[in-house]
C-alpha atoms as a PDB file:
ATOM      1  CA  MET A   1     129.914 127.943  77.033  1.00  0.00           C
ATOM      2  CA  GLU A   2     132.798 127.934  74.681  1.00  0.00           C
ATOM      3  CA  ALA A   3     131.916 128.354  71.015  1.00  0.00           C
ATOM      4  CA  LYS A   4     133.613 126.213  68.380  1.00  0.00           C
ATOM      5  CA  LEU A   5     134.414 127.285  64.853  1.00  0.00           C
ATOM      6  CA  ASN A   6     132.820 124.902  62.338  1.00  0.00           C
ATOM      7  CA  ALA A   7     134.798 123.129  59.668  1.00  0.00           C
ATOM      8  CA  ASP A   8     134.263 125.861  57.098  1.00  0.00           C
ATOM      9  CA  LYS A   9     135.613 128.409  59.635  1.00  0.00           C
ATOM     10  CA  THR A  10     132.777 130.852  58.902  1.00  0.00           C
ATOM     11  CA  ASP A  11     130.074 129.937  61.414  1.00  0.00           C
ATOM     12  CA  TRP A  12     130.324 129.854  65.179  1.00  0.00           C
ATOM     13  CA  SER A  13     128.152 127.217  66.871  1.00  0.00           C
ATOM     14  CA  PRO A  14     127.164 127.394  70.560  1.00  0.00           C
ATOM     15  CA  PHE A  15     126.552 123.615  70.497  1.00  0.00           C
ATOM     16  CA  PRO A  16     129.792 122.092  69.204  1.00  0.00           C
ATOM     17  CA  TYR A  17     128.695 118.577  70.157  1.00  0.00           C
ATOM     18  CA  LEU A  18     125.730 118.535  67.728  1.00  0.00           C
ATOM     19  CA  ASP A  19     126.142 117.295  64.181  1.00  0.00           C
ATOM     20  CA  ASP A  20     123.672 117.862  61.386  1.00  0.00           C
ATOM     21  CA  GLN A  21     122.356 114.327  62.012  1.00  0.00           C
ATOM     22  CA  ASP A  22     121.465 115.160  65.618  1.00  0.00           C
ATOM     23  CA  VAL A  23     119.285 118.144  64.769  1.00  0.00           C
ATOM     24  CA  ILE A  24     115.552 117.408  64.855  1.00  0.00           C
ATOM     25  CA  SER A  25     113.202 119.689  63.008  1.00  0.00           C
ATOM     26  CA  VAL A  26     110.058 120.578  64.952  1.00  0.00           C
ATOM     27  CA  GLN A  27     106.714 120.802  63.213  1.00  0.00           C
ATOM     28  CA  ARG A  28     104.999 123.968  64.302  1.00  0.00           C
ATOM     29  CA  GLY A  29     101.455 125.203  63.794  1.00  0.00           C
ATOM     30  CA  PRO A  30     100.510 127.868  61.332  1.00  0.00           C
ATOM     31  CA  GLU A  31     102.069 131.254  61.789  1.00  0.00           C
ATOM     32  CA  PRO A  32     100.032 133.683  63.877  1.00  0.00           C
ATOM     33  CA  GLY A  33      97.656 135.760  61.849  1.00  0.00           C
ATOM     34  CA  GLY A  34      96.223 134.829  58.535  1.00  0.00           C
ATOM     35  CA  LEU A  35      93.041 132.886  57.890  1.00  0.00           C
ATOM     36  CA  PRO A  36      93.858 129.656  59.863  1.00  0.00           C
ATOM     37  CA  GLY A  37      94.833 131.610  62.984  1.00  0.00           C
ATOM     38  CA  ALA A  38      91.705 133.767  62.860  1.00  0.00           C
ATOM     39  CA  TYR A  39      89.502 130.710  62.302  1.00  0.00           C
ATOM     40  CA  ARG A  40      91.080 128.913  65.279  1.00  0.00           C
ATOM     41  CA  ALA A  41      90.689 131.924  67.589  1.00  0.00           C
ATOM     42  CA  PHE A  42      87.086 132.471  66.486  1.00  0.00           C
ATOM     43  CA  GLY A  43      86.277 128.767  66.963  1.00  0.00           C
ATOM     44  CA  GLU A  44      87.692 128.739  70.504  1.00  0.00           C
ATOM     45  CA  THR A  45      85.714 131.872  71.348  1.00  0.00           C
ATOM     46  CA  LEU A  46      82.511 130.250  70.107  1.00  0.00           C
ATOM     47  CA  ARG A  47      83.226 127.139  72.153  1.00  0.00           C
ATOM     48  CA  GLY A  48      83.649 129.241  75.302  1.00  0.00           C
ATOM     49  CA  LEU A  49      80.476 131.208  74.594  1.00  0.00           C
ATOM     50  CA  LYS A  50      78.558 127.946  74.142  1.00  0.00           C
ATOM     51  CA  THR A  51      79.566 126.887  77.659  1.00  0.00           C
ATOM     52  CA  THR A  52      78.646 130.281  79.090  1.00  0.00           C
ATOM     53  CA  PHE A  53      75.221 130.456  77.437  1.00  0.00           C
ATOM     54  CA  GLY A  54      74.507 126.859  78.444  1.00  0.00           C
ATOM     55  CA  ARG A  55      74.966 127.854  82.091  1.00  0.00           C
ATOM     56  CA  ILE A  56      72.811 130.989  81.742  1.00  0.00           C
ATOM     57  CA  ILE A  57      69.789 128.837  80.912  1.00  0.00           C
ATOM     58  CA  GLU A  58      70.148 127.023  84.265  1.00  0.00           C
ATOM     59  CA  GLY A  59      69.784 130.285  86.150  1.00  0.00           C
ATOM     60  CA  PRO A  60      71.659 131.391  89.250  1.00  0.00           C
ATOM     61  CA  VAL A  61      71.943 129.017  92.184  1.00  0.00           C
ATOM     62  CA  THR A  62      72.178 130.934  95.429  1.00  0.00           C
ATOM     63  CA  ILE A  63      72.171 129.313  98.845  1.00  0.00           C
ATOM     64  CA  GLN A  64      71.034 131.615 101.656  1.00  0.00           C
ATOM     65  CA  TYR A  65      73.794 130.469 104.011  1.00  0.00           C
ATOM     66  CA  PRO A  66      72.653 130.957 107.580  1.00  0.00           C
ATOM     67  CA  GLU A  67      69.159 129.659 106.841  1.00  0.00           C
ATOM     68  CA  GLU A  68      70.138 126.995 104.283  1.00  0.00           C
ATOM     69  CA  LYS A  69      73.223 124.890 104.889  1.00  0.00           C
ATOM     70  CA  THR A  70      75.489 123.734 102.100  1.00  0.00           C
ATOM     71  CA  PRO A  71      75.064 119.990 101.611  1.00  0.00           C
ATOM     72  CA  VAL A  72      78.169 117.902 102.181  1.00  0.00           C
ATOM     73  CA  TYR A  73      79.179 114.557 100.738  1.00  0.00           C
ATOM     74  CA  PRO A  74      78.871 111.423 102.892  1.00  0.00           C
ATOM     75  CA  ARG A  75      82.678 111.026 103.013  1.00  0.00           C
ATOM     76  CA  PHE A  76      83.202 114.617 104.241  1.00  0.00           C
ATOM     77  CA  ARG A  77      85.486 114.796 107.291  1.00  0.00           C
ATOM     78  CA  GLY A  78      84.399 117.408 109.796  1.00  0.00           C
ATOM     79  CA  ARG A  79      84.229 117.659 113.604  1.00  0.00           C
ATOM     80  CA  HIS A  80      85.621 114.720 115.591  1.00  0.00           C
ATOM     81  CA  LYS A  81      83.389 112.605 117.845  1.00  0.00           C
ATOM     82  CA  LEU A  82      84.294 110.200 120.635  1.00  0.00           C
ATOM     83  CA  HIS A  83      81.825 107.344 121.091  1.00  0.00           C
ATOM     84  CA  ARG A  84      80.424 105.227 123.906  1.00  0.00           C
ATOM     85  CA  PHE A  85      79.003 101.729 123.809  1.00  0.00           C
ATOM     86  CA  GLU A  86      75.234 101.992 123.437  1.00  0.00           C
ATOM     87  CA  ASP A  87      74.374  99.109 125.766  1.00  0.00           C
ATOM     88  CA  THR A  88      76.736  99.805 128.696  1.00  0.00           C
ATOM     89  CA  GLY A  89      77.478 103.507 128.252  1.00  0.00           C
ATOM     90  CA  LEU A  90      81.221 102.883 128.681  1.00  0.00           C
ATOM     91  CA  GLU A  91      83.651 104.855 126.552  1.00  0.00           C
ATOM     92  CA  LYS A  92      85.117 103.030 123.558  1.00  0.00           C
ATOM     93  CA  CYS A  93      88.470 104.836 123.902  1.00  0.00           C
ATOM     94  CA  VAL A  94      90.971 102.794 125.939  1.00  0.00           C
ATOM     95  CA  GLY A  95      93.739 105.425 125.859  1.00  0.00           C
ATOM     96  CA  CYS A  96      96.057 103.499 123.535  1.00  0.00           C
ATOM     97  CA  SER A  97      97.259 106.732 121.841  1.00  0.00           C
ATOM     98  CA  LEU A  98      97.341 105.180 118.370  1.00  0.00           C
ATOM     99  CA  CYS A  99      95.363 108.153 117.061  1.00  0.00           C
ATOM    100  CA  ALA A 100      97.952 110.559 118.480  1.00  0.00           C
ATOM    101  CA  ALA A 101     100.768 108.525 116.930  1.00  0.00           C
ATOM    102  CA  ALA A 102      99.069 108.519 113.515  1.00  0.00           C
ATOM    103  CA  CYS A 103      98.315 112.263 113.530  1.00  0.00           C
ATOM    104  CA  PRO A 104     100.679 114.088 111.122  1.00  0.00           C
ATOM    105  CA  ALA A 105      99.802 117.486 112.607  1.00  0.00           C
ATOM    106  CA  ASP A 106     100.495 116.354 116.189  1.00  0.00           C
ATOM    107  CA  CYS A 107      97.245 117.884 117.400  1.00  0.00           C
ATOM    108  CA  ILE A 108      95.935 115.008 119.558  1.00  0.00           C
ATOM    109  CA  ARG A 109      96.917 114.610 123.212  1.00  0.00           C
ATOM    110  CA  VAL A 110      95.977 111.448 125.107  1.00  0.00           C
ATOM    111  CA  VAL A 111      96.847 110.748 128.731  1.00  0.00           C
ATOM    112  CA  ALA A 112      95.862 107.237 129.805  1.00  0.00           C
ATOM    113  CA  GLU A 113      94.810 106.183 133.289  1.00  0.00           C
ATOM    114  CA  GLU A 114      94.202 102.725 134.796  1.00  0.00           C
ATOM    115  CA  ASN A 115      90.564 101.678 135.086  1.00  0.00           C
ATOM    116  CA  ASP A 116      89.110 101.282 138.592  1.00  0.00           C
ATOM    117  CA  PRO A 117      87.240  97.952 138.898  1.00  0.00           C
ATOM    118  CA  GLU A 118      84.459  99.543 140.978  1.00  0.00           C
ATOM    119  CA  ASN A 119      84.000 102.561 138.738  1.00  0.00           C
ATOM    120  CA  ARG A 120      84.830 101.550 135.158  1.00  0.00           C
ATOM    121  CA  VAL A 121      85.094 104.281 132.517  1.00  0.00           C
ATOM    122  CA  SER A 122      85.970 102.140 129.503  1.00  0.00           C
ATOM    123  CA  ALA A 123      85.780  98.472 128.586  1.00  0.00           C
ATOM    124  CA  GLY A 124      89.572  98.039 128.613  1.00  0.00           C
ATOM    125  CA  GLU A 125      92.180  98.054 131.345  1.00  0.00           C
ATOM    126  CA  ARG A 126      92.862 101.734 130.769  1.00  0.00           C
ATOM    127  CA  PHE A 127      90.875 104.763 129.700  1.00  0.00           C
ATOM    128  CA  ALA A 128      91.714 108.224 128.392  1.00  0.00           C
ATOM    129  CA  GLU A 129      91.898 110.524 131.393  1.00  0.00           C
ATOM    130  CA  VAL A 130      92.737 113.431 129.076  1.00  0.00           C
ATOM    131  CA  TYR A 131      91.764 113.455 125.412  1.00  0.00           C
ATOM    132  CA  GLU A 132      92.246 116.742 123.567  1.00  0.00           C
ATOM    133  CA  ILE A 133      92.239 117.689 119.911  1.00  0.00           C
ATOM    134  CA  ASN A 134      93.593 121.072 118.887  1.00  0.00           C
ATOM    135  CA  LEU A 135      91.377 121.919 115.916  1.00  0.00           C
ATOM    136  CA  SER A 136      93.431 124.972 115.034  1.00  0.00           C
ATOM    137  CA  ARG A 137      96.239 122.552 114.079  1.00  0.00           C
ATOM    138  CA  CYS A 138      94.123 119.682 112.750  1.00  0.00           C
ATOM    139  CA  ILE A 139      94.245 119.126 108.982  1.00  0.00           C
ATOM    140  CA  PHE A 140      91.171 116.833 108.998  1.00  0.00           C
ATOM    141  CA  CYS A 141      93.022 114.012 107.253  1.00  0.00           C
ATOM    142  CA  GLY A 142      91.125 111.206 109.010  1.00  0.00           C
ATOM    143  CA  TYR A 143      94.233 109.245 110.044  1.00  0.00           C
ATOM    144  CA  CYS A 144      93.069 109.207 113.683  1.00  0.00           C
ATOM    145  CA  GLU A 145      89.823 107.580 112.615  1.00  0.00           C
ATOM    146  CA  VAL A 146      91.658 104.948 110.570  1.00  0.00           C
ATOM    147  CA  ALA A 147      94.219 104.197 113.315  1.00  0.00           C
ATOM    148  CA  CYS A 148      91.664 103.595 116.080  1.00  0.00           C
ATOM    149  CA  PRO A 149      91.160  99.823 116.545  1.00  0.00           C
ATOM    150  CA  PHE A 150      87.937 100.297 118.543  1.00  0.00           C
ATOM    151  CA  ASP A 151      86.181 102.893 116.340  1.00  0.00           C
ATOM    152  CA  ALA A 152      86.201 105.189 119.336  1.00  0.00           C
ATOM    153  CA  ILE A 153      86.836 108.331 117.281  1.00  0.00           C
ATOM    154  CA  THR A 154      85.102 109.228 114.053  1.00  0.00           C
ATOM    155  CA  MET A 155      84.770 112.372 112.027  1.00  0.00           C
ATOM    156  CA  GLY A 156      81.313 113.821 111.557  1.00  0.00           C
ATOM    157  CA  HIS A 157      79.834 116.272 109.098  1.00  0.00           C
ATOM    158  CA  ASP A 158      79.869 119.448 111.200  1.00  0.00           C
ATOM    159  CA  TYR A 159      81.946 122.153 109.526  1.00  0.00           C
ATOM    160  CA  GLU A 160      80.875 125.274 111.439  1.00  0.00           C
ATOM    161  CA  MET A 161      83.593 125.369 114.097  1.00  0.00           C
ATOM    162  CA  SER A 162      85.099 128.838 113.806  1.00  0.00           C
ATOM    163  CA  ASP A 163      85.886 130.807 116.920  1.00  0.00           C
ATOM    164  CA  TYR A 164      87.577 134.024 117.991  1.00  0.00           C
ATOM    165  CA  ASN A 165      90.123 132.490 120.387  1.00  0.00           C
ATOM    166  CA  ARG A 166      92.560 129.699 119.625  1.00  0.00           C
ATOM    167  CA  SER A 167      92.152 128.301 123.110  1.00  0.00           C
ATOM    168  CA  ASP A 168      88.468 127.698 122.379  1.00  0.00           C
ATOM    169  CA  LEU A 169      89.446 125.437 119.464  1.00  0.00           C
ATOM    170  CA  ILE A 170      90.977 122.844 121.784  1.00  0.00           C
ATOM    171  CA  PHE A 171      88.230 120.253 122.136  1.00  0.00           C
ATOM    172  CA  THR A 172      88.347 118.260 125.374  1.00  0.00           C
ATOM    173  CA  LYS A 173      87.049 114.753 125.981  1.00  0.00           C
ATOM    174  CA  GLU A 174      83.750 116.058 127.350  1.00  0.00           C
ATOM    175  CA  MET A 175      83.222 118.215 124.257  1.00  0.00           C
ATOM    176  CA  LEU A 176      84.060 115.328 121.929  1.00  0.00           C
ATOM    177  CA  LEU A 177      81.762 112.885 123.769  1.00  0.00           C
ATOM    178  CA  ALA A 178      78.863 115.341 123.578  1.00  0.00           C
ATOM    179  CA  GLU A 179      76.617 114.974 120.570  1.00  0.00           C
ATOM    180  CA  PRO A 180      77.178 117.888 118.176  1.00  0.00           C
ATOM    181  CA  ILE A 181      74.304 120.036 117.026  1.00  0.00           C
ATOM    182  CA  ASP A 182      73.002 118.517 113.795  1.00  0.00           C
ATOM    183  CA  ARG A 183      73.230 121.529 111.504  1.00  0.00           C
ATOM    184  CA  THR A 184      74.715 120.129 108.307  1.00  0.00           C
ATOM    185  CA  PRO A 185      72.546 118.222 105.811  1.00  0.00           C
ATOM    186  CA  LEU A 186      73.983 115.445 103.709  1.00  0.00           C
ATOM    187  CA  ARG A 187      73.794 115.454  99.940  1.00  0.00           C
ATOM    188  CA  SER A 188      71.066 113.289  98.540  1.00  0.00           C
ATOM    189  CA  GLU A 189      71.937 110.462  96.167  1.00  0.00           C
ATOM    190  CA  GLY A 190      70.963 112.467  93.050  1.00  0.00           C
ATOM    191  CA  GLU A 191      73.260 115.442  93.738  1.00  0.00           C
END
């Protein structure tokens, strides 16, 4: 930046476009040190200690994980489930692939097949011959659940899905139709 010599030719200014009218004075707090600074620091320390000692009275809260499961909220999005109609037993999924189109992670694969009139799989004209969700790519956003017009796919509360192989994290249609093991308690209304 080019410096400009002021009118009195004694002072160089790095901001030649600013006049004395354009300068705004900033109100600052008290200088560090001194009585006001020490009082403020001591007051903030006391406020933090009040919070700490308030939590000590409650005592430690430890959940013994394998035996006791961490409660989840009712809106928690966990393992996916595919559903059937309760009265007929037919699959709700008609293979429309709207869930795959809505998925931002591109982890859902649906291959549709025409329904056989003698041996119906779903209530629609088509059904999902292949339905796979790659849970190693899934971000559990819930868009698939929202996009499904038949409520065929929902997200449950199961969060214990870790595995040693990535190929084992690809859930097939049979795995998604199966009822998951109910291992995760919901939070009660008071929590």
